[in-house]
C-alpha cells in the first residue's frame, strides 16, 4: 500500500471565499500544498 503525501492532496478554495485570493495562495504555499482546485 502506498503512502499518501501532500503532493497527492488537492484543495478547494471554498473555505476561503471571504478572503482575498492572494491570502488563499499564500496559505496553500505555507502548508506545502502544490495543487489547488479553482
PDB file of N, CA and C in Angstrom:
ATOM      1  N   UNK A   1       0.849  -1.178   0.000  1.00  0.00           N
ATOM      2  CA  UNK A   1       0.000   0.000   0.000  1.00  0.00           C
ATOM      3  C   UNK A   1       0.894   1.240   0.000  1.00  0.00           C
ATOM      4  N   UNK A   2       0.569   2.201  -0.859  1.00  0.00           N
ATOM      5  CA  UNK A   2       1.389   3.408  -0.946  1.00  0.00           C
ATOM      6  C   UNK A   2       0.960   4.429   0.105  1.00  0.00           C
ATOM      7  N   UNK A   3       1.885   5.309   0.418  1.00  0.00           N
ATOM      8  CA  UNK A   3       1.637   6.362   1.398  1.00  0.00           C
ATOM      9  C   UNK A   3       1.125   7.610   0.689  1.00  0.00           C
ATOM     10  N   UNK A   4       0.096   8.230   1.241  1.00  0.00           N
ATOM     11  CA  UNK A   4      -0.428   9.483   0.694  1.00  0.00           C
ATOM     12  C   UNK A   4       0.422  10.630   1.221  1.00  0.00           C
ATOM     13  N   UNK A   5       0.888  11.483   0.331  1.00  0.00           N
ATOM     14  CA  UNK A   5       1.688  12.642   0.703  1.00  0.00           C
ATOM     15  C   UNK A   5       0.927  13.916   0.341  1.00  0.00           C
ATOM     16  N   UNK A   6       1.458  15.050   0.747  1.00  0.00           N
ATOM     17  CA  UNK A   6       0.824  16.330   0.431  1.00  0.00           C
ATOM     18  C   UNK A   6       0.778  16.569  -1.078  1.00  0.00           C
ATOM     19  N   UNK A   7       1.641  15.927  -1.842  1.00  0.00           N
ATOM     20  CA  UNK A   7       1.602  16.062  -3.305  1.00  0.00           C
ATOM     21  C   UNK A   7       0.371  15.394  -3.887  1.00  0.00           C
ATOM     22  N   UNK A   8      -0.238  14.487  -3.131  1.00  0.00           N
ATOM     23  CA  UNK A   8      -1.426  13.766  -3.591  1.00  0.00           C
ATOM     24  C   UNK A   8      -2.727  14.453  -3.185  1.00  0.00           C
ATOM     25  N   UNK A   9      -2.647  15.564  -2.479  1.00  0.00           N
ATOM     26  CA  UNK A   9      -3.824  16.248  -1.952  1.00  0.00           C
ATOM     27  C   UNK A   9      -4.181  17.429  -2.856  1.00  0.00           C
ATOM     28  N   UNK A  10      -5.452  17.562  -3.144  1.00  0.00           N
ATOM     29  CA  UNK A  10      -5.954  18.724  -3.872  1.00  0.00           C
ATOM     30  C   UNK A  10      -6.900  19.483  -2.946  1.00  0.00           C
ATOM     31  N   UNK A  11      -6.818  20.791  -2.961  1.00  0.00           N
ATOM     32  CA  UNK A  11      -7.598  21.621  -2.044  1.00  0.00           C
ATOM     33  C   UNK A  11      -8.555  22.496  -2.832  1.00  0.00           C
ATOM     34  N   UNK A  12      -9.773  22.606  -2.333  1.00  0.00           N
ATOM     35  CA  UNK A  12     -10.744  23.536  -2.909  1.00  0.00           C
ATOM     36  C   UNK A  12     -10.708  24.839  -2.117  1.00  0.00           C
ATOM     37  N   UNK A  13     -10.885  25.948  -2.779  1.00  0.00           N
ATOM     38  CA  UNK A  13     -10.811  27.251  -2.145  1.00  0.00           C
ATOM     39  C   UNK A  13     -12.105  27.741  -1.524  1.00  0.00           C
ATOM     40  N   UNK A  14     -13.120  26.883  -1.412  1.00  0.00           N
ATOM     41  CA  UNK A  14     -14.415  27.346  -0.904  1.00  0.00           C
ATOM     42  C   UNK A  14     -14.349  27.817   0.539  1.00  0.00           C
ATOM     43  N   UNK A  15     -13.422  27.320   1.308  1.00  0.00           N
ATOM     44  CA  UNK A  15     -13.294  27.758   2.704  1.00  0.00           C
ATOM     45  C   UNK A  15     -12.737  29.176   2.809  1.00  0.00           C
ATOM     46  N   UNK A  16     -12.170  29.657   1.733  1.00  0.00           N
ATOM     47  CA  UNK A  16     -11.528  30.969   1.731  1.00  0.00           C
ATOM     48  C   UNK A  16     -12.331  32.004   0.958  1.00  0.00           C
ATOM     49  N   UNK A  17     -13.620  31.781   0.776  1.00  0.00           N
ATOM     50  CA  UNK A  17     -14.439  32.650  -0.059  1.00  0.00           C
ATOM     51  C   UNK A  17     -14.464  34.098   0.447  1.00  0.00           C
ATOM     52  N   UNK A  18     -14.265  34.312   1.739  1.00  0.00           N
ATOM     53  CA  UNK A  18     -14.306  35.665   2.308  1.00  0.00           C
ATOM     54  C   UNK A  18     -12.925  36.301   2.440  1.00  0.00           C
ATOM     55  N   UNK A  19     -11.923  35.684   1.858  1.00  0.00           N
ATOM     56  CA  UNK A  19     -10.550  36.187   1.923  1.00  0.00           C
ATOM     57  C   UNK A  19     -10.057  36.528   0.521  1.00  0.00           C
ATOM     58  N   UNK A  20      -9.080  37.415   0.422  1.00  0.00           N
ATOM     59  CA  UNK A  20      -8.502  37.705  -0.898  1.00  0.00           C
ATOM     60  C   UNK A  20      -7.829  36.460  -1.482  1.00  0.00           C
ATOM     61  N   UNK A  21      -7.835  36.360  -2.795  1.00  0.00           N
ATOM     62  CA  UNK A  21      -7.248  35.207  -3.471  1.00  0.00           C
ATOM     63  C   UNK A  21      -5.776  35.041  -3.122  1.00  0.00           C
ATOM     64  N   UNK A  22      -5.057  36.152  -2.971  1.00  0.00           N
ATOM     65  CA  UNK A  22      -3.641  36.087  -2.622  1.00  0.00           C
ATOM     66  C   UNK A  22      -3.434  35.430  -1.254  1.00  0.00           C
ATOM     67  N   UNK A  23      -4.344  35.685  -0.322  1.00  0.00           N
ATOM     68  CA  UNK A  23      -4.264  35.069   1.000  1.00  0.00           C
ATOM     69  C   UNK A  23      -4.413  33.553   0.885  1.00  0.00           C
ATOM     70  N   UNK A  24      -5.353  33.124   0.052  1.00  0.00           N
ATOM     71  CA  UNK A  24      -5.544  31.701  -0.192  1.00  0.00           C
ATOM     72  C   UNK A  24      -4.274  31.072  -0.756  1.00  0.00           C
ATOM     73  N   UNK A  25      -3.692  31.697  -1.766  1.00  0.00           N
ATOM     74  CA  UNK A  25      -2.474  31.153  -2.377  1.00  0.00           C
ATOM     75  C   UNK A  25      -1.327  31.119  -1.379  1.00  0.00           C
ATOM     76  N   UNK A  26      -1.169  32.174  -0.598  1.00  0.00           N
ATOM     77  CA  UNK A  26      -0.118  32.203   0.415  1.00  0.00           C
ATOM     78  C   UNK A  26      -0.320  31.105   1.462  1.00  0.00           C
ATOM     79  N   UNK A  27      -1.564  30.880   1.861  1.00  0.00           N
ATOM     80  CA  UNK A  27      -1.868  29.834   2.833  1.00  0.00           C
ATOM     81  C   UNK A  27      -1.519  28.460   2.288  1.00  0.00           C
ATOM     82  N   UNK A  28      -1.851  28.214   1.033  1.00  0.00           N
ATOM     83  CA  UNK A  28      -1.546  26.923   0.421  1.00  0.00           C
ATOM     84  C   UNK A  28      -0.038  26.708   0.321  1.00  0.00           C
ATOM     85  N   UNK A  29       0.689  27.771  -0.019  1.00  0.00           N
ATOM     86  CA  UNK A  29       2.152  27.671  -0.112  1.00  0.00           C
ATOM     87  C   UNK A  29       2.755  27.359   1.255  1.00  0.00           C
ATOM     88  N   UNK A  30       2.259  28.003   2.301  1.00  0.00           N
ATOM     89  CA  UNK A  30       2.764  27.753   3.653  1.00  0.00           C
ATOM     90  C   UNK A  30       2.497  26.321   4.099  1.00  0.00           C
ATOM     91  N   UNK A  31       1.381  25.763   3.661  1.00  0.00           N
ATOM     92  CA  UNK A  31       1.019  24.392   4.031  1.00  0.00           C
ATOM     93  C   UNK A  31       1.718  23.346   3.168  1.00  0.00           C
ATOM     94  N   UNK A  32       2.402  23.802   2.126  1.00  0.00           N
ATOM     95  CA  UNK A  32       3.101  22.866   1.245  1.00  0.00           C
ATOM     96  C   UNK A  32       2.196  22.211   0.220  1.00  0.00           C
ATOM     97  N   UNK A  33       1.015  22.778  -0.002  1.00  0.00           N
ATOM     98  CA  UNK A  33       0.076  22.246  -0.982  1.00  0.00           C
ATOM     99  C   UNK A  33       0.501  22.738  -2.359  1.00  0.00           C
ATOM    100  N   UNK A  34       0.683  21.829  -3.280  1.00  0.00           N
ATOM    101  CA  UNK A  34       1.143  22.191  -4.625  1.00  0.00           C
ATOM    102  C   UNK A  34       0.042  22.208  -5.653  1.00  0.00           C
ATOM    103  N   UNK A  35      -1.108  21.601  -5.339  1.00  0.00           N
ATOM    104  CA  UNK A  35      -2.213  21.538  -6.298  1.00  0.00           C
ATOM    105  C   UNK A  35      -3.466  22.090  -5.648  1.00  0.00           C
ATOM    106  N   UNK A  36      -4.143  22.985  -6.360  1.00  0.00           N
ATOM    107  CA  UNK A  36      -5.392  23.552  -5.851  1.00  0.00           C
ATOM    108  C   UNK A  36      -6.452  23.446  -6.938  1.00  0.00           C
ATOM    109  N   UNK A  37      -7.706  23.474  -6.524  1.00  0.00           N
ATOM    110  CA  UNK A  37      -8.807  23.469  -7.456  1.00  0.00           C
ATOM    111  C   UNK A  37      -9.484  24.827  -7.397  1.00  0.00           C
ATOM    112  N   UNK A  38      -9.634  25.434  -8.544  1.00  0.00           N
ATOM    113  CA  UNK A  38     -10.268  26.755  -8.613  1.00  0.00           C
ATOM    114  C   UNK A  38     -11.663  26.645  -9.163  1.00  0.00           C
TER     115      UNK A  38
END
